[in-house]
Amino acid sequence: MKKLIILIIMFTLIGCGGKTIDGESNATIKASIEEMKKGLSVREIVEFDTALTRLIANTMVTKGKTQAEFRESVDGKDIDDIIKMAEDLKSK
């Protein structure tokens, strides 16, 4: 649970603007998300952060996966991919 809170805070405090998430490490995922958020509207940032939070909760809490497994699941994904992944969870 502590790791989940740390990841949620990390994603909330950082920004995204590159094209895709680099899931190689915690540092690269944070940096890539920061780049991806650059230039997004407040609404888009909230939508993206909400999607990331939903994915973190599903991957790490519900499924009991590790941070590395979460990073692998989002590696190479863009904002639209992340939002779609989170929406797919809602429909299940």
N, C-alpha and C. Protein backbone atom coordinates (compact mmCIF):
# COMPACT_ATOMS: atom_id res chain seq x y z
N MET A 1 0.83 -1.19 0.00
CA MET A 1 0.00 0.00 0.00
C MET A 1 0.87 1.25 0.00
N LYS A 2 1.98 1.20 0.75
CA LYS A 2 2.87 2.36 0.81
C LYS A 2 3.45 2.65 -0.57
N LYS A 3 3.81 1.60 -1.31
CA LYS A 3 4.35 1.78 -2.66
C LYS A 3 3.31 2.40 -3.58
N LEU A 4 2.06 1.99 -3.43
CA LEU A 4 0.98 2.54 -4.24
C LEU A 4 0.84 4.04 -3.98
N ILE A 5 0.86 4.42 -2.73
CA ILE A 5 0.73 5.83 -2.38
C ILE A 5 1.90 6.63 -2.95
N ILE A 6 3.10 6.08 -2.86
CA ILE A 6 4.27 6.75 -3.42
C ILE A 6 4.11 6.94 -4.93
N LEU A 7 3.66 5.91 -5.62
CA LEU A 7 3.48 6.02 -7.07
C LEU A 7 2.40 7.03 -7.42
N ILE A 8 1.30 7.03 -6.68
CA ILE A 8 0.22 7.98 -6.95
C ILE A 8 0.73 9.40 -6.74
N ILE A 9 1.45 9.64 -5.66
CA ILE A 9 2.01 10.97 -5.41
C ILE A 9 2.99 11.33 -6.52
N MET A 10 3.84 10.38 -6.90
CA MET A 10 4.82 10.63 -7.96
C MET A 10 4.10 11.07 -9.24
N PHE A 11 3.06 10.34 -9.61
CA PHE A 11 2.35 10.68 -10.84
C PHE A 11 1.58 11.99 -10.72
N THR A 12 1.14 12.31 -9.53
CA THR A 12 0.40 13.55 -9.33
C THR A 12 1.32 14.76 -9.40
N LEU A 13 2.52 14.63 -8.88
CA LEU A 13 3.44 15.75 -8.80
C LEU A 13 4.25 15.97 -10.07
N ILE A 14 4.22 15.03 -10.98
CA ILE A 14 5.06 15.14 -12.17
C ILE A 14 4.23 15.51 -13.37
N GLY A 15 4.89 15.82 -14.45
CA GLY A 15 4.21 16.18 -15.67
C GLY A 15 4.61 15.27 -16.83
N CYS A 16 3.83 15.14 -18.00
CA CYS A 16 4.12 14.25 -19.17
C CYS A 16 4.21 15.02 -20.51
N GLY A 17 5.13 14.90 -21.54
CA GLY A 17 5.19 15.59 -22.84
C GLY A 17 5.93 14.87 -23.91
N GLY A 18 6.85 13.97 -23.59
CA GLY A 18 7.44 13.13 -24.62
C GLY A 18 6.30 12.36 -25.23
N LYS A 19 6.62 11.48 -26.11
CA LYS A 19 5.55 10.77 -26.79
C LYS A 19 5.07 9.52 -26.04
N THR A 20 6.00 8.79 -25.44
CA THR A 20 5.60 7.55 -24.77
C THR A 20 6.29 7.42 -23.41
N ILE A 21 5.77 6.50 -22.62
CA ILE A 21 6.34 6.24 -21.31
C ILE A 21 7.56 5.33 -21.46
N ASP A 22 8.62 5.70 -20.77
CA ASP A 22 9.83 4.87 -20.70
C ASP A 22 9.80 4.15 -19.37
N GLY A 23 9.45 2.88 -19.38
CA GLY A 23 9.28 2.11 -18.16
C GLY A 23 10.53 1.40 -17.67
N GLU A 24 11.69 1.81 -18.15
CA GLU A 24 12.94 1.13 -17.77
C GLU A 24 13.20 1.17 -16.26
N SER A 25 12.92 2.30 -15.62
CA SER A 25 13.15 2.44 -14.18
C SER A 25 12.17 3.46 -13.62
N ASN A 26 12.15 3.58 -12.29
CA ASN A 26 11.28 4.59 -11.68
C ASN A 26 11.66 5.99 -12.15
N ALA A 27 12.96 6.24 -12.28
CA ALA A 27 13.42 7.56 -12.72
C ALA A 27 13.00 7.85 -14.16
N THR A 28 13.12 6.87 -15.04
CA THR A 28 12.76 7.12 -16.44
C THR A 28 11.26 7.22 -16.63
N ILE A 29 10.51 6.46 -15.85
CA ILE A 29 9.05 6.57 -15.98
C ILE A 29 8.60 7.95 -15.51
N LYS A 30 9.19 8.42 -14.42
CA LYS A 30 8.84 9.75 -13.90
C LYS A 30 9.20 10.83 -14.92
N ALA A 31 10.40 10.77 -15.47
CA ALA A 31 10.83 11.78 -16.43
C ALA A 31 9.98 11.75 -17.69
N SER A 32 9.65 10.57 -18.17
CA SER A 32 8.86 10.50 -19.40
C SER A 32 7.44 11.00 -19.17
N ILE A 33 6.88 10.73 -18.00
CA ILE A 33 5.54 11.23 -17.70
C ILE A 33 5.56 12.76 -17.58
N GLU A 34 6.61 13.29 -16.97
CA GLU A 34 6.75 14.75 -16.89
C GLU A 34 6.73 15.36 -18.29
N GLU A 35 7.48 14.77 -19.19
CA GLU A 35 7.53 15.27 -20.57
C GLU A 35 6.19 15.14 -21.27
N MET A 36 5.49 14.06 -21.03
CA MET A 36 4.21 13.84 -21.69
C MET A 36 3.17 14.87 -21.27
N LYS A 37 3.24 15.36 -20.04
CA LYS A 37 2.24 16.32 -19.56
C LYS A 37 2.46 17.74 -20.06
N LYS A 38 3.67 18.03 -20.50
CA LYS A 38 3.95 19.39 -20.98
C LYS A 38 3.02 19.73 -22.13
N GLY A 39 2.37 20.88 -22.03
CA GLY A 39 1.49 21.35 -23.09
C GLY A 39 0.06 20.85 -22.98
N LEU A 40 -0.23 19.96 -22.03
CA LEU A 40 -1.59 19.50 -21.85
C LEU A 40 -2.40 20.52 -21.07
N SER A 41 -3.69 20.54 -21.32
CA SER A 41 -4.58 21.39 -20.53
C SER A 41 -4.75 20.76 -19.15
N VAL A 42 -5.27 21.52 -18.22
CA VAL A 42 -5.51 21.01 -16.87
C VAL A 42 -6.45 19.80 -16.94
N ARG A 43 -7.48 19.88 -17.75
CA ARG A 43 -8.43 18.77 -17.90
C ARG A 43 -7.73 17.53 -18.41
N GLU A 44 -6.86 17.68 -19.39
CA GLU A 44 -6.14 16.54 -19.95
C GLU A 44 -5.17 15.92 -18.93
N ILE A 45 -4.52 16.78 -18.15
CA ILE A 45 -3.62 16.28 -17.10
C ILE A 45 -4.40 15.48 -16.07
N VAL A 46 -5.55 16.00 -15.66
CA VAL A 46 -6.38 15.29 -14.69
C VAL A 46 -6.83 13.95 -15.26
N GLU A 47 -7.25 13.94 -16.51
CA GLU A 47 -7.69 12.70 -17.15
C GLU A 47 -6.54 11.68 -17.21
N PHE A 48 -5.36 12.14 -17.58
CA PHE A 48 -4.19 11.27 -17.68
C PHE A 48 -3.79 10.75 -16.30
N ASP A 49 -3.73 11.64 -15.30
CA ASP A 49 -3.38 11.23 -13.93
C ASP A 49 -4.39 10.23 -13.38
N THR A 50 -5.67 10.47 -13.66
CA THR A 50 -6.71 9.55 -13.20
C THR A 50 -6.54 8.17 -13.83
N ALA A 51 -6.23 8.16 -15.12
CA ALA A 51 -6.02 6.89 -15.82
C ALA A 51 -4.81 6.16 -15.23
N LEU A 52 -3.72 6.88 -15.00
CA LEU A 52 -2.52 6.26 -14.41
C LEU A 52 -2.82 5.70 -13.03
N THR A 53 -3.54 6.46 -12.23
CA THR A 53 -3.89 6.01 -10.88
C THR A 53 -4.73 4.74 -10.94
N ARG A 54 -5.69 4.70 -11.86
CA ARG A 54 -6.53 3.52 -12.01
C ARG A 54 -5.68 2.31 -12.41
N LEU A 55 -4.74 2.51 -13.33
CA LEU A 55 -3.87 1.42 -13.76
C LEU A 55 -2.96 0.94 -12.63
N ILE A 56 -2.42 1.88 -11.87
CA ILE A 56 -1.57 1.51 -10.73
C ILE A 56 -2.38 0.68 -9.73
N ALA A 57 -3.56 1.16 -9.40
CA ALA A 57 -4.39 0.45 -8.44
C ALA A 57 -4.73 -0.95 -8.95
N ASN A 58 -5.09 -1.06 -10.20
CA ASN A 58 -5.45 -2.36 -10.75
C ASN A 58 -4.25 -3.29 -10.81
N THR A 59 -3.12 -2.79 -11.26
CA THR A 59 -1.95 -3.63 -11.44
C THR A 59 -1.33 -4.05 -10.11
N MET A 60 -1.13 -3.08 -9.23
CA MET A 60 -0.37 -3.36 -8.01
C MET A 60 -1.25 -3.81 -6.84
N VAL A 61 -2.42 -3.25 -6.70
CA VAL A 61 -3.25 -3.58 -5.55
C VAL A 61 -4.14 -4.79 -5.87
N THR A 62 -4.92 -4.68 -6.94
CA THR A 62 -5.86 -5.74 -7.28
C THR A 62 -5.15 -7.01 -7.71
N LYS A 63 -4.16 -6.86 -8.58
CA LYS A 63 -3.47 -8.03 -9.12
C LYS A 63 -2.21 -8.40 -8.35
N GLY A 64 -1.76 -7.54 -7.44
CA GLY A 64 -0.59 -7.83 -6.62
C GLY A 64 0.72 -7.85 -7.39
N LYS A 65 0.79 -7.10 -8.47
CA LYS A 65 2.01 -7.05 -9.28
C LYS A 65 3.02 -6.08 -8.66
N THR A 66 4.26 -6.17 -9.11
CA THR A 66 5.32 -5.30 -8.60
C THR A 66 5.38 -4.00 -9.40
N GLN A 67 6.19 -3.06 -8.89
CA GLN A 67 6.42 -1.81 -9.63
C GLN A 67 7.01 -2.11 -10.99
N ALA A 68 7.95 -3.04 -11.04
CA ALA A 68 8.58 -3.40 -12.31
C ALA A 68 7.56 -3.94 -13.30
N GLU A 69 6.63 -4.74 -12.83
CA GLU A 69 5.59 -5.27 -13.71
C GLU A 69 4.65 -4.15 -14.18
N PHE A 70 4.37 -3.20 -13.29
CA PHE A 70 3.56 -2.05 -13.72
C PHE A 70 4.31 -1.26 -14.78
N ARG A 71 5.60 -0.97 -14.52
CA ARG A 71 6.39 -0.20 -15.50
C ARG A 71 6.41 -0.91 -16.85
N GLU A 72 6.56 -2.21 -16.83
CA GLU A 72 6.57 -2.99 -18.07
C GLU A 72 5.23 -2.89 -18.80
N SER A 73 4.15 -2.87 -18.05
CA SER A 73 2.81 -2.83 -18.67
C SER A 73 2.52 -1.50 -19.36
N VAL A 74 3.18 -0.42 -18.93
CA VAL A 74 2.93 0.88 -19.54
C VAL A 74 4.09 1.36 -20.42
N ASP A 75 5.17 0.60 -20.45
CA ASP A 75 6.34 0.97 -21.25
C ASP A 75 5.95 1.10 -22.72
N GLY A 76 6.34 2.22 -23.33
CA GLY A 76 6.07 2.45 -24.74
C GLY A 76 4.67 2.96 -25.05
N LYS A 77 3.86 3.14 -24.04
CA LYS A 77 2.48 3.61 -24.25
C LYS A 77 2.43 5.13 -24.29
N ASP A 78 1.52 5.66 -25.10
CA ASP A 78 1.31 7.10 -25.13
C ASP A 78 0.09 7.45 -24.29
N ILE A 79 -0.24 8.72 -24.24
CA ILE A 79 -1.35 9.18 -23.39
C ILE A 79 -2.65 8.49 -23.77
N ASP A 80 -2.93 8.42 -25.07
CA ASP A 80 -4.18 7.77 -25.51
C ASP A 80 -4.21 6.30 -25.12
N ASP A 81 -3.07 5.63 -25.22
CA ASP A 81 -3.01 4.22 -24.82
C ASP A 81 -3.34 4.06 -23.34
N ILE A 82 -2.76 4.93 -22.51
CA ILE A 82 -2.98 4.85 -21.06
C ILE A 82 -4.45 5.08 -20.73
N ILE A 83 -5.04 6.09 -21.34
CA ILE A 83 -6.45 6.39 -21.09
C ILE A 83 -7.32 5.24 -21.56
N LYS A 84 -7.01 4.66 -22.71
CA LYS A 84 -7.79 3.52 -23.22
C LYS A 84 -7.64 2.32 -22.29
N MET A 85 -6.44 2.04 -21.81
CA MET A 85 -6.23 0.93 -20.89
C MET A 85 -7.10 1.10 -19.64
N ALA A 86 -7.14 2.32 -19.11
CA ALA A 86 -7.94 2.59 -17.91
C ALA A 86 -9.43 2.46 -18.22
N GLU A 87 -9.86 2.94 -19.38
CA GLU A 87 -11.27 2.81 -19.77
C GLU A 87 -11.66 1.35 -19.93
N ASP A 88 -10.76 0.54 -20.49
CA ASP A 88 -11.02 -0.88 -20.64
C ASP A 88 -11.25 -1.55 -19.29
N LEU A 89 -10.54 -1.07 -18.26
CA LEU A 89 -10.73 -1.63 -16.92
C LEU A 89 -12.13 -1.33 -16.40
N LYS A 90 -12.64 -0.14 -16.70
CA LYS A 90 -13.96 0.25 -16.23
C LYS A 90 -15.04 -0.62 -16.86
N SER A 91 -14.82 -1.06 -18.10
CA SER A 91 -15.85 -1.83 -18.79
C SER A 91 -15.85 -3.31 -18.40
N LYS A 92 -14.85 -3.74 -17.63
CA LYS A 92 -14.79 -5.15 -17.21
C LYS A 92 -15.56 -5.38 -15.93
